[in-house]
Amino acid sequence: MLIIPVLDLSRGLVVHAIHGDRHLYKPVTSVISSSSKPESVLSAFLELYPFKIIYIADLDAIQGTGNQATLIEKLSSRFDQCEFWVDAGIAAIQDDNNHFDGDNIKLILGSENKLPSELLTEILNKNPDILLSLDFNEAGLLGNSYLLDDTNLWPKQLIVMMLHRVGLNKGVDSECLNNILRIGSKHNIFAAGGIHNLNDLYQLKKTEIKGVLLASALHNGSISQDELHLFSKQ
C-alpha cells in the first residue's frame, strides 16, 4: 500500500488543511520542518521516507483566487524522482495552456466541480491519465451525484477525499470508504482524510485500497520515520 504525502498550497506556502474549511487554513506548523515553504516541507517529507508520489492541492486555483502553477512546476523539476498528483481545479484541466509541462505531473479532477456527465466523459477521454477525486463531506458527495450511480464513468485511479475528516485526527469515514470499495472494485482506490496513526495504516492495509494520502500525521509526528519504514517492510 502506497503512502502519499500531501502539500496543500496557498499563497506560496504549505497550509494546514482542516475539515475542508479552506478559508481558515493557516501556514503549517510541523515537527519535521521549521518552515512552511513548500521546498522545505517536501525536503522534510523525503528525509522521512523516499516517497514516490506527492499529492499537491493548489487551493488558490481551486478557489479561483490565483494559482501556484509556477511553484508546482519548480517542485516537479527539482524533485524529479517523484510523480506529482496535482489538483489545480477544473481550469487547469480544461486549459490546454495550463503550464503543467512536466512529464511527472498528473492532474486530478475533483467531483466538487459540477459538470454534466457528458462533459466529464469528454474530459476523461481527452485526458486518459487523469485521476478522479470523489470529494465527500458529512452530507455525502460534493457535486455530480451521478458519479455514484455509474462507476463506468470513473477513470482507473480514484481518490476518496473525505474532507470532513481532514486534519481532525479522528480516523477515516469507514462507511464512506467501504461503500466506494464495494462499488469500485475494478478501480485503484486511494483514501484521504482522517488517517492519524500507524494502526490506521494497518487497518486500511487489510482492505483493497492501493494507497493513502497523509499530511497531519506526518507534521505532528503521530506517524514517525521509524514507523514508516516498519510499515513499508510488512
C-alpha atoms as a PDB file:
ATOM      1  CA  MET A   1       0.000   0.000   0.000  1.00  0.00           C
ATOM      2  CA  LEU A   2       1.435   3.345  -1.074  1.00  0.00           C
ATOM      3  CA  ILE A   3       1.808   6.251   1.339  1.00  0.00           C
ATOM      4  CA  ILE A   4       1.499   9.607  -0.397  1.00  0.00           C
ATOM      5  CA  PRO A   5       2.347  12.846   1.453  1.00  0.00           C
ATOM      6  CA  VAL A   6       0.238  15.930   0.833  1.00  0.00           C
ATOM      7  CA  LEU A   7       1.154  19.541   0.154  1.00  0.00           C
ATOM      8  CA  ASP A   8      -1.782  21.945   0.424  1.00  0.00           C
ATOM      9  CA  LEU A   9      -0.537  25.171  -1.190  1.00  0.00           C
ATOM     10  CA  SER A  10      -1.885  28.687  -0.768  1.00  0.00           C
ATOM     11  CA  ARG A  11      -0.119  31.976  -1.491  1.00  0.00           C
ATOM     12  CA  GLY A  12       3.225  30.252  -1.850  1.00  0.00           C
ATOM     13  CA  LEU A  13       3.105  28.365   1.454  1.00  0.00           C
ATOM     14  CA  VAL A  14       2.078  24.943   2.717  1.00  0.00           C
ATOM     15  CA  VAL A  15      -1.045  25.301   4.838  1.00  0.00           C
ATOM     16  CA  HIS A  16      -2.715  23.037   7.366  1.00  0.00           C
ATOM     17  CA  ALA A  17      -5.948  21.666   5.953  1.00  0.00           C
ATOM     18  CA  ILE A  18      -8.746  21.183   8.492  1.00  0.00           C
ATOM     19  CA  HIS A  19     -12.211  19.861   7.742  1.00  0.00           C
ATOM     20  CA  GLY A  20     -12.273  21.292   4.231  1.00  0.00           C
ATOM     21  CA  ASP A  21     -12.801  24.844   5.555  1.00  0.00           C
ATOM     22  CA  ARG A  22     -10.273  26.358   3.159  1.00  0.00           C
ATOM     23  CA  HIS A  23     -10.751  29.975   4.216  1.00  0.00           C
ATOM     24  CA  LEU A  24      -9.493  29.000   7.698  1.00  0.00           C
ATOM     25  CA  TYR A  25      -6.286  27.268   6.606  1.00  0.00           C
ATOM     26  CA  LYS A  26      -3.098  28.699   8.106  1.00  0.00           C
ATOM     27  CA  PRO A  27       0.598  28.031   7.352  1.00  0.00           C
ATOM     28  CA  VAL A  28       1.500  24.588   8.589  1.00  0.00           C
ATOM     29  CA  THR A  29       3.339  24.068  11.863  1.00  0.00           C
ATOM     30  CA  SER A  30       5.400  20.900  11.655  1.00  0.00           C
ATOM     31  CA  VAL A  31       7.744  18.835  13.812  1.00  0.00           C
ATOM     32  CA  ILE A  32       9.635  17.813  10.679  1.00  0.00           C
ATOM     33  CA  SER A  33      10.116  21.243   9.069  1.00  0.00           C
ATOM     34  CA  SER A  34      10.909  24.613  10.615  1.00  0.00           C
ATOM     35  CA  SER A  35       9.424  26.355   7.599  1.00  0.00           C
ATOM     36  CA  SER A  36       6.106  26.268   5.758  1.00  0.00           C
ATOM     37  CA  LYS A  37       7.842  26.935   2.447  1.00  0.00           C
ATOM     38  CA  PRO A  38       6.979  24.121   0.009  1.00  0.00           C
ATOM     39  CA  GLU A  39      10.558  23.154  -0.859  1.00  0.00           C
ATOM     40  CA  SER A  40      11.431  22.851   2.827  1.00  0.00           C
ATOM     41  CA  VAL A  41       8.359  20.776   3.631  1.00  0.00           C
ATOM     42  CA  LEU A  42       8.827  18.486   0.644  1.00  0.00           C
ATOM     43  CA  SER A  43      12.517  18.022   1.501  1.00  0.00           C
ATOM     44  CA  ALA A  44      11.455  17.110   5.045  1.00  0.00           C
ATOM     45  CA  PHE A  45       8.985  14.548   3.714  1.00  0.00           C
ATOM     46  CA  LEU A  46      11.677  12.916   1.601  1.00  0.00           C
ATOM     47  CA  GLU A  47      14.074  12.824   4.548  1.00  0.00           C
ATOM     48  CA  LEU A  48      11.453  10.811   6.412  1.00  0.00           C
ATOM     49  CA  TYR A  49      10.956   8.322   3.613  1.00  0.00           C
ATOM     50  CA  PRO A  50      11.693   8.032  -0.150  1.00  0.00           C
ATOM     51  CA  PHE A  51       8.107   8.686  -1.216  1.00  0.00           C
ATOM     52  CA  LYS A  52       7.469   8.089  -4.913  1.00  0.00           C
ATOM     53  CA  ILE A  53       4.264  10.113  -5.278  1.00  0.00           C
ATOM     54  CA  ILE A  54       3.439  13.576  -3.904  1.00  0.00           C
ATOM     55  CA  TYR A  55      -0.098  14.967  -3.833  1.00  0.00           C
ATOM     56  CA  ILE A  56      -0.480  18.722  -4.263  1.00  0.00           C
ATOM     57  CA  ALA A  57      -3.659  20.751  -3.868  1.00  0.00           C
ATOM     58  CA  ASP A  58      -3.384  24.229  -5.361  1.00  0.00           C
ATOM     59  CA  LEU A  59      -6.019  25.815  -3.134  1.00  0.00           C
ATOM     60  CA  ASP A  60      -5.753  29.191  -4.852  1.00  0.00           C
ATOM     61  CA  ALA A  61      -6.543  27.651  -8.226  1.00  0.00           C
ATOM     62  CA  ILE A  62      -9.335  25.501  -6.794  1.00  0.00           C
ATOM     63  CA  GLN A  63     -10.941  28.583  -5.244  1.00  0.00           C
ATOM     64  CA  GLY A  64     -10.337  30.781  -8.295  1.00  0.00           C
ATOM     65  CA  THR A  65      -8.124  33.281  -6.474  1.00  0.00           C
ATOM     66  CA  GLY A  66      -4.925  32.723  -8.433  1.00  0.00           C
ATOM     67  CA  ASN A  67      -2.689  29.716  -8.863  1.00  0.00           C
ATOM     68  CA  GLN A  68       0.596  28.146  -7.800  1.00  0.00           C
ATOM     69  CA  ALA A  69       1.426  26.675 -11.217  1.00  0.00           C
ATOM     70  CA  THR A  70       4.936  28.143 -11.413  1.00  0.00           C
ATOM     71  CA  LEU A  71       5.773  26.859  -7.947  1.00  0.00           C
ATOM     72  CA  ILE A  72       4.404  23.402  -8.737  1.00  0.00           C
ATOM     73  CA  GLU A  73       6.445  23.244 -11.937  1.00  0.00           C
ATOM     74  CA  LYS A  74       9.517  24.220  -9.940  1.00  0.00           C
ATOM     75  CA  LEU A  75       8.891  21.483  -7.388  1.00  0.00           C
ATOM     76  CA  SER A  76       8.287  18.843 -10.052  1.00  0.00           C
ATOM     77  CA  SER A  77      11.533  19.817 -11.772  1.00  0.00           C
ATOM     78  CA  ARG A  78      13.660  19.876  -8.631  1.00  0.00           C
ATOM     79  CA  PHE A  79      12.210  16.655  -7.208  1.00  0.00           C
ATOM     80  CA  ASP A  80      12.024  14.826 -10.498  1.00  0.00           C
ATOM     81  CA  GLN A  81      12.397  11.431  -8.839  1.00  0.00           C
ATOM     82  CA  CYS A  82       8.788  11.821  -7.695  1.00  0.00           C
ATOM     83  CA  GLU A  83       5.486  11.760  -9.511  1.00  0.00           C
ATOM     84  CA  PHE A  84       3.169  14.643  -8.631  1.00  0.00           C
ATOM     85  CA  TRP A  85      -0.607  14.318  -8.450  1.00  0.00           C
ATOM     86  CA  VAL A  86      -1.961  17.848  -8.747  1.00  0.00           C
ATOM     87  CA  ASP A  87      -5.451  19.166  -8.069  1.00  0.00           C
ATOM     88  CA  ALA A  88      -5.414  22.654  -9.541  1.00  0.00           C
ATOM     89  CA  GLY A  89      -9.121  22.960 -10.210  1.00  0.00           C
ATOM     90  CA  ILE A  90     -11.150  22.475 -13.337  1.00  0.00           C
ATOM     91  CA  ALA A  91      -9.474  25.349 -15.217  1.00  0.00           C
ATOM     92  CA  ALA A  92      -6.113  23.565 -15.262  1.00  0.00           C
ATOM     93  CA  ILE A  93      -7.741  20.564 -16.912  1.00  0.00           C
ATOM     94  CA  GLN A  94      -9.758  22.466 -19.484  1.00  0.00           C
ATOM     95  CA  ASP A  95      -6.962  24.897 -20.391  1.00  0.00           C
ATOM     96  CA  ASP A  96      -4.576  23.469 -22.976  1.00  0.00           C
ATOM     97  CA  ASN A  97      -2.071  26.138 -21.891  1.00  0.00           C
ATOM     98  CA  ASN A  98      -2.148  25.234 -18.207  1.00  0.00           C
ATOM     99  CA  HIS A  99       1.658  25.488 -17.762  1.00  0.00           C
ATOM    100  CA  PHE A 100       1.975  21.949 -16.409  1.00  0.00           C
ATOM    101  CA  ASP A 101       4.546  20.576 -18.810  1.00  0.00           C
ATOM    102  CA  GLY A 102       6.373  18.189 -16.503  1.00  0.00           C
ATOM    103  CA  ASP A 103       6.265  14.530 -17.510  1.00  0.00           C
ATOM    104  CA  ASN A 104       5.953  13.659 -13.819  1.00  0.00           C
ATOM    105  CA  ILE A 105       2.723  15.620 -13.264  1.00  0.00           C
ATOM    106  CA  LYS A 106      -0.747  14.065 -13.362  1.00  0.00           C
ATOM    107  CA  LEU A 107      -3.829  16.206 -12.932  1.00  0.00           C
ATOM    108  CA  ILE A 108      -6.776  15.479 -10.661  1.00  0.00           C
ATOM    109  CA  LEU A 109     -10.427  16.237 -11.366  1.00  0.00           C
ATOM    110  CA  GLY A 110     -12.410  16.836  -8.188  1.00  0.00           C
ATOM    111  CA  SER A 111     -16.084  15.917  -8.066  1.00  0.00           C
ATOM    112  CA  GLU A 112     -16.789  19.259  -6.369  1.00  0.00           C
ATOM    113  CA  ASN A 113     -16.514  20.766  -9.870  1.00  0.00           C
ATOM    114  CA  LYS A 114     -20.095  20.462 -11.025  1.00  0.00           C
ATOM    115  CA  LEU A 115     -20.122  19.067 -14.542  1.00  0.00           C
ATOM    116  CA  PRO A 116     -22.718  17.350 -16.702  1.00  0.00           C
ATOM    117  CA  SER A 117     -21.853  13.714 -17.282  1.00  0.00           C
ATOM    118  CA  GLU A 118     -21.246  14.339 -20.998  1.00  0.00           C
ATOM    119  CA  LEU A 119     -18.574  16.947 -20.278  1.00  0.00           C
ATOM    120  CA  LEU A 120     -16.941  14.805 -17.606  1.00  0.00           C
ATOM    121  CA  THR A 121     -16.775  11.890 -20.039  1.00  0.00           C
ATOM    122  CA  GLU A 122     -15.251  14.169 -22.675  1.00  0.00           C
ATOM    123  CA  ILE A 123     -12.617  15.398 -20.209  1.00  0.00           C
ATOM    124  CA  LEU A 124     -11.690  11.880 -19.116  1.00  0.00           C
ATOM    125  CA  ASN A 125     -11.473  10.621 -22.705  1.00  0.00           C
ATOM    126  CA  LYS A 126      -9.218  13.528 -23.612  1.00  0.00           C
ATOM    127  CA  ASN A 127      -7.031  13.035 -20.514  1.00  0.00           C
ATOM    128  CA  PRO A 128      -6.606   9.265 -20.013  1.00  0.00           C
ATOM    129  CA  ASP A 129      -4.069   9.707 -17.196  1.00  0.00           C
ATOM    130  CA  ILE A 130      -6.315  11.920 -15.102  1.00  0.00           C
ATOM    131  CA  LEU A 131      -7.307  10.925 -11.574  1.00  0.00           C
ATOM    132  CA  LEU A 132     -10.805  11.434 -10.224  1.00  0.00           C
ATOM    133  CA  SER A 133     -11.241  12.696  -6.676  1.00  0.00           C
ATOM    134  CA  LEU A 134     -14.604  11.846  -5.130  1.00  0.00           C
ATOM    135  CA  ASP A 135     -14.948  14.694  -2.636  1.00  0.00           C
ATOM    136  CA  PHE A 136     -17.116  13.998   0.396  1.00  0.00           C
ATOM    137  CA  ASN A 137     -18.319  15.953   3.412  1.00  0.00           C
ATOM    138  CA  GLU A 138     -20.703  14.953   6.189  1.00  0.00           C
ATOM    139  CA  ALA A 139     -23.675  15.189   3.840  1.00  0.00           C
ATOM    140  CA  GLY A 140     -22.162  12.977   1.148  1.00  0.00           C
ATOM    141  CA  LEU A 141     -20.599  13.509  -2.254  1.00  0.00           C
ATOM    142  CA  LEU A 142     -19.882  17.108  -3.245  1.00  0.00           C
ATOM    143  CA  GLY A 143     -21.241  17.687  -6.737  1.00  0.00           C
ATOM    144  CA  ASN A 144     -22.106  15.311  -9.541  1.00  0.00           C
ATOM    145  CA  SER A 145     -24.124  12.743  -7.612  1.00  0.00           C
ATOM    146  CA  TYR A 146     -24.439  10.704 -10.815  1.00  0.00           C
ATOM    147  CA  LEU A 147     -20.849   9.565 -10.256  1.00  0.00           C
ATOM    148  CA  LEU A 148     -22.064   7.167  -7.574  1.00  0.00           C
ATOM    149  CA  ASP A 149     -24.620   5.671  -9.939  1.00  0.00           C
ATOM    150  CA  ASP A 150     -22.284   4.702 -12.769  1.00  0.00           C
ATOM    151  CA  THR A 151     -18.735   3.578 -11.982  1.00  0.00           C
ATOM    152  CA  ASN A 152     -18.102   3.170 -15.711  1.00  0.00           C
ATOM    153  CA  LEU A 153     -17.591   6.933 -15.729  1.00  0.00           C
ATOM    154  CA  TRP A 154     -14.621   6.613 -13.384  1.00  0.00           C
ATOM    155  CA  PRO A 155     -11.011   6.515 -14.594  1.00  0.00           C
ATOM    156  CA  LYS A 156      -8.782   3.724 -13.354  1.00  0.00           C
ATOM    157  CA  GLN A 157      -7.355   5.709 -10.432  1.00  0.00           C
ATOM    158  CA  LEU A 158      -9.649   7.225  -7.851  1.00  0.00           C
ATOM    159  CA  ILE A 159      -9.143   9.233  -4.658  1.00  0.00           C
ATOM    160  CA  VAL A 160     -11.768   9.076  -1.904  1.00  0.00           C
ATOM    161  CA  MET A 161     -11.327  12.544  -0.385  1.00  0.00           C
ATOM    162  CA  MET A 162     -13.081  12.636   2.984  1.00  0.00           C
ATOM    163  CA  LEU A 163     -12.880  16.379   3.578  1.00  0.00           C
ATOM    164  CA  HIS A 164     -14.908  16.157   6.786  1.00  0.00           C
ATOM    165  CA  ARG A 165     -12.110  14.098   8.345  1.00  0.00           C
ATOM    166  CA  VAL A 166      -9.119  16.068   7.041  1.00  0.00           C
ATOM    167  CA  GLY A 167      -6.803  17.334   9.786  1.00  0.00           C
ATOM    168  CA  LEU A 168      -9.020  16.198  12.652  1.00  0.00           C
ATOM    169  CA  ASN A 169      -7.192  13.004  13.736  1.00  0.00           C
ATOM    170  CA  LYS A 170     -10.478  11.117  14.021  1.00  0.00           C
ATOM    171  CA  GLY A 171      -9.789   8.273  11.629  1.00  0.00           C
ATOM    172  CA  VAL A 172     -11.302   7.709   8.211  1.00  0.00           C
ATOM    173  CA  ASP A 173     -15.013   7.600   7.482  1.00  0.00           C
ATOM    174  CA  SER A 174     -15.204   3.809   7.196  1.00  0.00           C
ATOM    175  CA  GLU A 175     -18.763   3.768   5.898  1.00  0.00           C
ATOM    176  CA  CYS A 176     -17.918   6.184   3.113  1.00  0.00           C
ATOM    177  CA  LEU A 177     -14.703   4.395   2.144  1.00  0.00           C
ATOM    178  CA  ASN A 178     -16.181   0.902   2.292  1.00  0.00           C
ATOM    179  CA  ASN A 179     -19.063   1.934   0.058  1.00  0.00           C
ATOM    180  CA  ILE A 180     -16.664   3.133  -2.632  1.00  0.00           C
ATOM    181  CA  LEU A 181     -14.578  -0.016  -2.277  1.00  0.00           C
ATOM    182  CA  ARG A 182     -17.726  -2.084  -2.721  1.00  0.00           C
ATOM    183  CA  ILE A 183     -18.932  -0.405  -5.893  1.00  0.00           C
ATOM    184  CA  GLY A 184     -15.490   0.396  -7.332  1.00  0.00           C
ATOM    185  CA  SER A 185     -13.746  -2.948  -7.059  1.00  0.00           C
ATOM    186  CA  LYS A 186     -12.280  -2.626 -10.564  1.00  0.00           C
ATOM    187  CA  HIS A 187     -10.512   0.632  -9.740  1.00  0.00           C
ATOM    188  CA  ASN A 188      -7.338   1.622  -7.925  1.00  0.00           C
ATOM    189  CA  ILE A 189      -8.646   3.460  -4.873  1.00  0.00           C
ATOM    190  CA  PHE A 190      -6.691   5.821  -2.617  1.00  0.00           C
ATOM    191  CA  ALA A 191      -8.005   7.105   0.724  1.00  0.00           C
ATOM    192  CA  ALA A 192      -7.556  10.654   2.033  1.00  0.00           C
ATOM    193  CA  GLY A 193      -8.707  12.294   5.245  1.00  0.00           C
ATOM    194  CA  GLY A 194      -8.529  11.213   8.866  1.00  0.00           C
ATOM    195  CA  ILE A 195      -5.583   8.802   8.939  1.00  0.00           C
ATOM    196  CA  HIS A 196      -3.781   9.637  12.159  1.00  0.00           C
ATOM    197  CA  ASN A 197      -1.568   6.773  13.358  1.00  0.00           C
ATOM    198  CA  LEU A 198       0.156   3.526  12.443  1.00  0.00           C
ATOM    199  CA  ASN A 199      -2.825   1.449  13.498  1.00  0.00           C
ATOM    200  CA  ASP A 200      -4.966   3.264  10.942  1.00  0.00           C
ATOM    201  CA  LEU A 201      -2.466   2.306   8.252  1.00  0.00           C
ATOM    202  CA  TYR A 202      -2.540  -1.343   9.260  1.00  0.00           C
ATOM    203  CA  GLN A 203      -6.344  -1.369   9.299  1.00  0.00           C
ATOM    204  CA  LEU A 204      -6.504   0.160   5.835  1.00  0.00           C
ATOM    205  CA  LYS A 205      -3.906  -2.264   4.531  1.00  0.00           C
ATOM    206  CA  LYS A 206      -6.395  -5.057   5.203  1.00  0.00           C
ATOM    207  CA  THR A 207      -8.761  -3.535   2.662  1.00  0.00           C
ATOM    208  CA  GLU A 208      -8.448  -3.321  -1.109  1.00  0.00           C
ATOM    209  CA  ILE A 209      -7.180   0.255  -1.242  1.00  0.00           C
ATOM    210  CA  LYS A 210      -3.956   0.931  -3.125  1.00  0.00           C
ATOM    211  CA  GLY A 211      -2.705   3.818  -1.020  1.00  0.00           C
ATOM    212  CA  VAL A 212      -3.357   6.623   1.440  1.00  0.00           C
ATOM    213  CA  LEU A 213      -2.745  10.372   1.476  1.00  0.00           C
ATOM    214  CA  LEU A 214      -1.147  11.808   4.619  1.00  0.00           C
ATOM    215  CA  ALA A 215      -0.338  15.263   5.935  1.00  0.00           C
ATOM    216  CA  SER A 216      -1.275  15.992   9.568  1.00  0.00           C
ATOM    217  CA  ALA A 217       0.009  12.647  10.870  1.00  0.00           C
ATOM    218  CA  LEU A 218       3.432  13.400   9.397  1.00  0.00           C
ATOM    219  CA  HIS A 219       3.531  17.008  10.575  1.00  0.00           C
ATOM    220  CA  ASN A 220       2.520  16.254  14.164  1.00  0.00           C
ATOM    221  CA  GLY A 221       4.735  13.176  14.431  1.00  0.00           C
ATOM    222  CA  SER A 222       1.958  10.690  15.161  1.00  0.00           C
ATOM    223  CA  ILE A 223       3.391   8.595  12.326  1.00  0.00           C
ATOM    224  CA  SER A 224       7.166   8.635  12.669  1.00  0.00           C
ATOM    225  CA  GLN A 225      10.067   7.894  10.368  1.00  0.00           C
ATOM    226  CA  ASP A 226      10.673   4.544  12.067  1.00  0.00           C
ATOM    227  CA  GLU A 227       7.014   3.612  11.704  1.00  0.00           C
ATOM    228  CA  LEU A 228       7.014   4.486   8.015  1.00  0.00           C
ATOM    229  CA  HIS A 229       9.965   2.204   7.384  1.00  0.00           C
ATOM    230  CA  LEU A 230       8.486  -0.540   9.573  1.00  0.00           C
ATOM    231  CA  PHE A 231       5.191  -0.383   7.729  1.00  0.00           C
ATOM    232  CA  SER A 232       6.850  -0.475   4.310  1.00  0.00           C
ATOM    233  CA  LYS A 233       8.642  -3.724   5.188  1.00  0.00           C
ATOM    234  CA  GLN A 234       5.460  -5.581   6.118  1.00  0.00           C
END
